[in-house]
Amino acid sequence: MNRQGFTLWFTGLSGSGKSTLAQYLTPVLRGRGVKVEVLDGDVVRTNLSKGLGFSKEDRDTNIRRIGFVAGLLSRNGVCAITAAISPYRNIRDEIRASMANFVEVYVEAPLEVLEDRDTKGLYKKARAGEIKNFTGISDPYEAPERAEIVVHTDRESIEESAHKVLAYLVEAGLVDATAQAVAS
């Protein structure tokens, strides 16, 4: 079956669960016969956007690069999963307009919960002034106004969040409904 590609664009604050959800969904989608590539924000910054800082211009450039690669993949029948903060709504909307089958997933959790989780200690460093331009603390995060899917990682299990994403993809006709289901 020649399957159409799509971009699954995870956005949310640092520590919200974007990468965790992307990694969880990857084998689930592959189990349904979908070709998947994950474009994780941290990995892309190391390999595709090395040398960029965290100014608005550099963040926009980084997100446009991720969007460009995601667009190439999706138009060639691949599910491109992006897991990057992508803090600015206008750049996400620009990328949405540049491709077919763009699915925005807002990975939402309250800032207080994320600061409590803070597995990397980034929020603590940002609050102490050790990290400048940290999204959600000293730099803005513009939540999506029309995300196709919103998951709440502070009150949903990863299985529940993954099920929401998969149910949308099946309903939208992007993933086969008869193939293997999400393991619970």
C-alpha atoms as a PDB file:
ATOM      1  CA  MET A   1       0.000   0.000   0.000  1.00  0.00           C
ATOM      2  CA  ASN A   2       1.382   3.410  -0.948  1.00  0.00           C
ATOM      3  CA  ARG A   3       0.689   5.438   2.155  1.00  0.00           C
ATOM      4  CA  GLN A   4       0.501   9.221   2.295  1.00  0.00           C
ATOM      5  CA  GLY A   5       2.963  10.880   4.612  1.00  0.00           C
ATOM      6  CA  PHE A   6       2.197  13.310   7.387  1.00  0.00           C
ATOM      7  CA  THR A   7       3.909  15.448   9.977  1.00  0.00           C
ATOM      8  CA  LEU A   8       3.107  14.928  13.627  1.00  0.00           C
ATOM      9  CA  TRP A   9       4.316  18.165  15.243  1.00  0.00           C
ATOM     10  CA  PHE A  10       4.712  17.932  19.031  1.00  0.00           C
ATOM     11  CA  THR A  11       5.008  21.310  20.743  1.00  0.00           C
ATOM     12  CA  GLY A  12       5.139  22.191  24.413  1.00  0.00           C
ATOM     13  CA  LEU A  13       7.404  23.442  27.149  1.00  0.00           C
ATOM     14  CA  SER A  14      10.649  21.744  28.136  1.00  0.00           C
ATOM     15  CA  GLY A  15       9.936  18.575  30.087  1.00  0.00           C
ATOM     16  CA  SER A  16       6.302  18.321  28.989  1.00  0.00           C
ATOM     17  CA  GLY A  17       6.834  14.883  27.435  1.00  0.00           C
ATOM     18  CA  LYS A  18       7.243  15.603  23.719  1.00  0.00           C
ATOM     19  CA  SER A  19      10.214  13.293  23.188  1.00  0.00           C
ATOM     20  CA  THR A  20       8.831  10.616  25.502  1.00  0.00           C
ATOM     21  CA  LEU A  21       5.542  10.520  23.603  1.00  0.00           C
ATOM     22  CA  ALA A  22       7.337  10.567  20.231  1.00  0.00           C
ATOM     23  CA  GLN A  23       9.513   7.620  21.274  1.00  0.00           C
ATOM     24  CA  TYR A  24       6.479   5.733  22.593  1.00  0.00           C
ATOM     25  CA  LEU A  25       4.465   6.247  19.407  1.00  0.00           C
ATOM     26  CA  THR A  26       7.277   5.385  16.974  1.00  0.00           C
ATOM     27  CA  PRO A  27       7.121   1.575  17.345  1.00  0.00           C
ATOM     28  CA  VAL A  28       3.309   1.703  17.589  1.00  0.00           C
ATOM     29  CA  LEU A  29       3.103   3.469  14.223  1.00  0.00           C
ATOM     30  CA  ARG A  30       5.745   1.204  12.689  1.00  0.00           C
ATOM     31  CA  GLY A  31       3.677  -1.752  13.893  1.00  0.00           C
ATOM     32  CA  ARG A  32       0.852  -0.362  11.758  1.00  0.00           C
ATOM     33  CA  GLY A  33       3.061  -0.249   8.673  1.00  0.00           C
ATOM     34  CA  VAL A  34       3.909   3.457   8.869  1.00  0.00           C
ATOM     35  CA  LYS A  35       7.423   4.627   7.955  1.00  0.00           C
ATOM     36  CA  VAL A  36       8.504   6.933  10.807  1.00  0.00           C
ATOM     37  CA  GLU A  37      11.370   9.344  11.383  1.00  0.00           C
ATOM     38  CA  VAL A  38      11.698  11.332  14.605  1.00  0.00           C
ATOM     39  CA  LEU A  39      13.176  14.828  14.468  1.00  0.00           C
ATOM     40  CA  ASP A  40      13.935  15.497  18.127  1.00  0.00           C
ATOM     41  CA  GLY A  41      14.755  19.107  18.951  1.00  0.00           C
ATOM     42  CA  ASP A  42      17.918  18.302  20.929  1.00  0.00           C
ATOM     43  CA  VAL A  43      19.243  15.948  18.233  1.00  0.00           C
ATOM     44  CA  VAL A  44      18.472  18.407  15.427  1.00  0.00           C
ATOM     45  CA  ARG A  45      20.272  21.200  17.283  1.00  0.00           C
ATOM     46  CA  THR A  46      23.365  19.004  17.479  1.00  0.00           C
ATOM     47  CA  ASN A  47      23.348  17.808  13.870  1.00  0.00           C
ATOM     48  CA  LEU A  48      21.386  20.226  11.687  1.00  0.00           C
ATOM     49  CA  SER A  49      21.412  23.504  13.594  1.00  0.00           C
ATOM     50  CA  LYS A  50      24.799  23.447  15.312  1.00  0.00           C
ATOM     51  CA  GLY A  51      25.988  26.947  16.094  1.00  0.00           C
ATOM     52  CA  LEU A  52      22.537  28.434  16.530  1.00  0.00           C
ATOM     53  CA  GLY A  53      21.775  30.083  19.836  1.00  0.00           C
ATOM     54  CA  PHE A  54      18.476  30.733  21.551  1.00  0.00           C
ATOM     55  CA  SER A  55      17.594  34.188  20.246  1.00  0.00           C
ATOM     56  CA  LYS A  56      14.194  34.462  18.568  1.00  0.00           C
ATOM     57  CA  GLU A  57      15.880  34.563  15.148  1.00  0.00           C
ATOM     58  CA  ASP A  58      17.967  31.461  15.860  1.00  0.00           C
ATOM     59  CA  ARG A  59      14.965  29.585  17.257  1.00  0.00           C
ATOM     60  CA  ASP A  60      12.945  30.513  14.167  1.00  0.00           C
ATOM     61  CA  THR A  61      15.762  29.285  11.910  1.00  0.00           C
ATOM     62  CA  ASN A  62      16.004  26.019  13.841  1.00  0.00           C
ATOM     63  CA  ILE A  63      12.243  25.396  13.650  1.00  0.00           C
ATOM     64  CA  ARG A  64      12.145  26.269   9.934  1.00  0.00           C
ATOM     65  CA  ARG A  65      14.923  23.723   9.334  1.00  0.00           C
ATOM     66  CA  ILE A  66      13.000  21.065  11.232  1.00  0.00           C
ATOM     67  CA  GLY A  67       9.887  21.982   9.240  1.00  0.00           C
ATOM     68  CA  PHE A  68      11.761  21.766   5.955  1.00  0.00           C
ATOM     69  CA  VAL A  69      13.060  18.268   6.714  1.00  0.00           C
ATOM     70  CA  ALA A  70       9.650  17.171   8.023  1.00  0.00           C
ATOM     71  CA  GLY A  71       8.051  18.408   4.805  1.00  0.00           C
ATOM     72  CA  LEU A  72      10.529  16.466   2.661  1.00  0.00           C
ATOM     73  CA  LEU A  73       9.889  13.304   4.629  1.00  0.00           C
ATOM     74  CA  SER A  74       6.107  13.603   4.695  1.00  0.00           C
ATOM     75  CA  ARG A  75       5.768  14.306   0.991  1.00  0.00           C
ATOM     76  CA  ASN A  76       7.705  11.071   0.419  1.00  0.00           C
ATOM     77  CA  GLY A  77       5.306   8.906   2.396  1.00  0.00           C
ATOM     78  CA  VAL A  78       6.967   9.109   5.799  1.00  0.00           C
ATOM     79  CA  CYS A  79       5.471  10.129   9.127  1.00  0.00           C
ATOM     80  CA  ALA A  80       7.815  12.858  10.350  1.00  0.00           C
ATOM     81  CA  ILE A  81       7.462  13.231  14.100  1.00  0.00           C
ATOM     82  CA  THR A  82       8.922  16.434  15.462  1.00  0.00           C
ATOM     83  CA  ALA A  83       9.563  16.912  19.158  1.00  0.00           C
ATOM     84  CA  ALA A  84      10.798  20.469  19.617  1.00  0.00           C
ATOM     85  CA  ILE A  85       9.557  23.212  21.909  1.00  0.00           C
ATOM     86  CA  SER A  86       8.847  25.441  18.873  1.00  0.00           C
ATOM     87  CA  PRO A  87       7.720  28.311  21.101  1.00  0.00           C
ATOM     88  CA  TYR A  88       6.404  30.766  18.525  1.00  0.00           C
ATOM     89  CA  ARG A  89       2.935  30.267  17.053  1.00  0.00           C
ATOM     90  CA  ASN A  90       3.627  32.187  13.818  1.00  0.00           C
ATOM     91  CA  ILE A  91       6.494  29.880  12.822  1.00  0.00           C
ATOM     92  CA  ARG A  92       4.422  26.763  13.579  1.00  0.00           C
ATOM     93  CA  ASP A  93       1.585  28.237  11.489  1.00  0.00           C
ATOM     94  CA  GLU A  94       4.035  29.050   8.692  1.00  0.00           C
ATOM     95  CA  ILE A  95       5.190  25.432   8.649  1.00  0.00           C
ATOM     96  CA  ARG A  96       1.576  24.189   8.806  1.00  0.00           C
ATOM     97  CA  ALA A  97       0.788  26.256   5.689  1.00  0.00           C
ATOM     98  CA  SER A  98       3.805  24.856   3.827  1.00  0.00           C
ATOM     99  CA  MET A  99       2.719  21.213   3.829  1.00  0.00           C
ATOM    100  CA  ALA A 100      -0.203  18.846   3.601  1.00  0.00           C
ATOM    101  CA  ASN A 101      -1.172  16.560   6.471  1.00  0.00           C
ATOM    102  CA  PHE A 102       0.249  18.671   9.295  1.00  0.00           C
ATOM    103  CA  VAL A 103      -0.999  17.485  12.694  1.00  0.00           C
ATOM    104  CA  GLU A 104      -0.139  19.696  15.656  1.00  0.00           C
ATOM    105  CA  VAL A 105      -0.044  18.031  19.067  1.00  0.00           C
ATOM    106  CA  TYR A 106       0.088  20.356  22.052  1.00  0.00           C
ATOM    107  CA  VAL A 107       1.847  18.479  24.845  1.00  0.00           C
ATOM    108  CA  GLU A 108       0.534  20.480  27.773  1.00  0.00           C
ATOM    109  CA  ALA A 109       1.444  20.451  31.444  1.00  0.00           C
ATOM    110  CA  PRO A 110       1.364  23.334  33.933  1.00  0.00           C
ATOM    111  CA  LEU A 111       4.648  25.129  34.517  1.00  0.00           C
ATOM    112  CA  GLU A 112       4.558  24.216  38.232  1.00  0.00           C
ATOM    113  CA  VAL A 113       4.413  20.516  37.331  1.00  0.00           C
ATOM    114  CA  LEU A 114       7.286  20.882  34.870  1.00  0.00           C
ATOM    115  CA  GLU A 115       9.390  22.686  37.453  1.00  0.00           C
ATOM    116  CA  ASP A 116       8.689  19.864  39.915  1.00  0.00           C
ATOM    117  CA  ARG A 117       9.672  17.246  37.295  1.00  0.00           C
ATOM    118  CA  ASP A 118      12.761  19.177  36.080  1.00  0.00           C
ATOM    119  CA  THR A 119      14.816  16.032  35.498  1.00  0.00           C
ATOM    120  CA  LYS A 120      17.603  18.008  33.790  1.00  0.00           C
ATOM    121  CA  GLY A 121      17.637  20.865  36.320  1.00  0.00           C
ATOM    122  CA  LEU A 122      17.007  23.405  33.556  1.00  0.00           C
ATOM    123  CA  TYR A 123      14.128  25.266  35.213  1.00  0.00           C
ATOM    124  CA  LYS A 124      16.138  25.661  38.408  1.00  0.00           C
ATOM    125  CA  LYS A 125      19.067  27.080  36.424  1.00  0.00           C
ATOM    126  CA  ALA A 126      16.741  29.375  34.464  1.00  0.00           C
ATOM    127  CA  ARG A 127      15.136  30.668  37.679  1.00  0.00           C
ATOM    128  CA  ALA A 128      18.632  31.316  39.062  1.00  0.00           C
ATOM    129  CA  GLY A 129      19.533  33.321  35.942  1.00  0.00           C
ATOM    130  CA  GLU A 130      22.113  30.754  34.803  1.00  0.00           C
ATOM    131  CA  ILE A 131      20.221  30.036  31.546  1.00  0.00           C
ATOM    132  CA  LYS A 132      19.122  33.029  29.490  1.00  0.00           C
ATOM    133  CA  ASN A 133      16.166  33.008  27.073  1.00  0.00           C
ATOM    134  CA  PHE A 134      14.639  29.900  28.655  1.00  0.00           C
ATOM    135  CA  THR A 135      11.190  29.221  27.232  1.00  0.00           C
ATOM    136  CA  GLY A 136       8.464  29.586  29.825  1.00  0.00           C
ATOM    137  CA  ILE A 137      10.677  31.475  32.287  1.00  0.00           C
ATOM    138  CA  SER A 138      12.529  34.346  30.601  1.00  0.00           C
ATOM    139  CA  ASP A 139      11.277  33.767  27.052  1.00  0.00           C
ATOM    140  CA  PRO A 140       7.661  33.319  25.909  1.00  0.00           C
ATOM    141  CA  TYR A 141       5.875  30.158  24.885  1.00  0.00           C
ATOM    142  CA  GLU A 142       2.844  30.728  22.677  1.00  0.00           C
ATOM    143  CA  ALA A 143       0.439  27.821  23.102  1.00  0.00           C
ATOM    144  CA  PRO A 144      -1.316  26.607  19.964  1.00  0.00           C
ATOM    145  CA  GLU A 145      -4.754  28.076  19.306  1.00  0.00           C
ATOM    146  CA  ARG A 146      -5.904  25.295  16.979  1.00  0.00           C
ATOM    147  CA  ALA A 147      -3.930  22.156  17.692  1.00  0.00           C
ATOM    148  CA  GLU A 148      -5.564  19.056  16.299  1.00  0.00           C
ATOM    149  CA  ILE A 149      -4.713  17.171  19.490  1.00  0.00           C
ATOM    150  CA  VAL A 150      -4.068  18.315  23.061  1.00  0.00           C
ATOM    151  CA  VAL A 151      -2.586  15.889  25.553  1.00  0.00           C
ATOM    152  CA  HIS A 152      -2.269  16.704  29.259  1.00  0.00           C
ATOM    153  CA  THR A 153       0.788  14.879  30.523  1.00  0.00           C
ATOM    154  CA  ASP A 154       0.202  15.972  34.102  1.00  0.00           C
ATOM    155  CA  ARG A 155      -3.004  13.929  34.307  1.00  0.00           C
ATOM    156  CA  GLU A 156      -2.848  11.373  31.474  1.00  0.00           C
ATOM    157  CA  SER A 157      -0.675   8.287  31.279  1.00  0.00           C
ATOM    158  CA  ILE A 158       1.586   7.980  28.274  1.00  0.00           C
ATOM    159  CA  GLU A 159      -0.756   5.249  26.999  1.00  0.00           C
ATOM    160  CA  GLU A 160      -3.767   7.582  27.258  1.00  0.00           C
ATOM    161  CA  SER A 161      -1.937  10.390  25.453  1.00  0.00           C
ATOM    162  CA  ALA A 162      -0.710   8.001  22.752  1.00  0.00           C
ATOM    163  CA  HIS A 163      -4.231   6.644  22.319  1.00  0.00           C
ATOM    164  CA  LYS A 164      -5.555  10.194  21.734  1.00  0.00           C
ATOM    165  CA  VAL A 165      -2.939  10.777  19.039  1.00  0.00           C
ATOM    166  CA  LEU A 166      -3.508   7.433  17.370  1.00  0.00           C
ATOM    167  CA  ALA A 167      -7.310   7.816  17.451  1.00  0.00           C
ATOM    168  CA  TYR A 168      -6.999  11.170  15.679  1.00  0.00           C
ATOM    169  CA  LEU A 169      -4.643   9.740  13.042  1.00  0.00           C
ATOM    170  CA  VAL A 170      -7.038   6.854  12.348  1.00  0.00           C
ATOM    171  CA  GLU A 171     -10.048   9.201  12.169  1.00  0.00           C
ATOM    172  CA  ALA A 172      -8.146  11.501   9.779  1.00  0.00           C
ATOM    173  CA  GLY A 173      -7.319   8.525   7.551  1.00  0.00           C
ATOM    174  CA  LEU A 174      -3.578   8.888   8.036  1.00  0.00           C
ATOM    175  CA  VAL A 175      -3.161   5.537   9.809  1.00  0.00           C
ATOM    176  CA  ASP A 176      -4.882   2.226   9.052  1.00  0.00           C
ATOM    177  CA  ALA A 177      -7.646   1.474  11.547  1.00  0.00           C
ATOM    178  CA  THR A 178      -7.427  -2.303  11.110  1.00  0.00           C
ATOM    179  CA  ALA A 179      -3.751  -2.698  11.970  1.00  0.00           C
ATOM    180  CA  GLN A 180      -2.311  -3.425  15.424  1.00  0.00           C
ATOM    181  CA  ALA A 181      -3.680  -1.226  18.220  1.00  0.00           C
ATOM    182  CA  VAL A 182      -1.820   0.664  20.953  1.00  0.00           C
ATOM    183  CA  ALA A 183      -0.666  -1.683  23.690  1.00  0.00           C
ATOM    184  CA  SER A 184      -2.105  -0.789  27.058  1.00  0.00           C
END
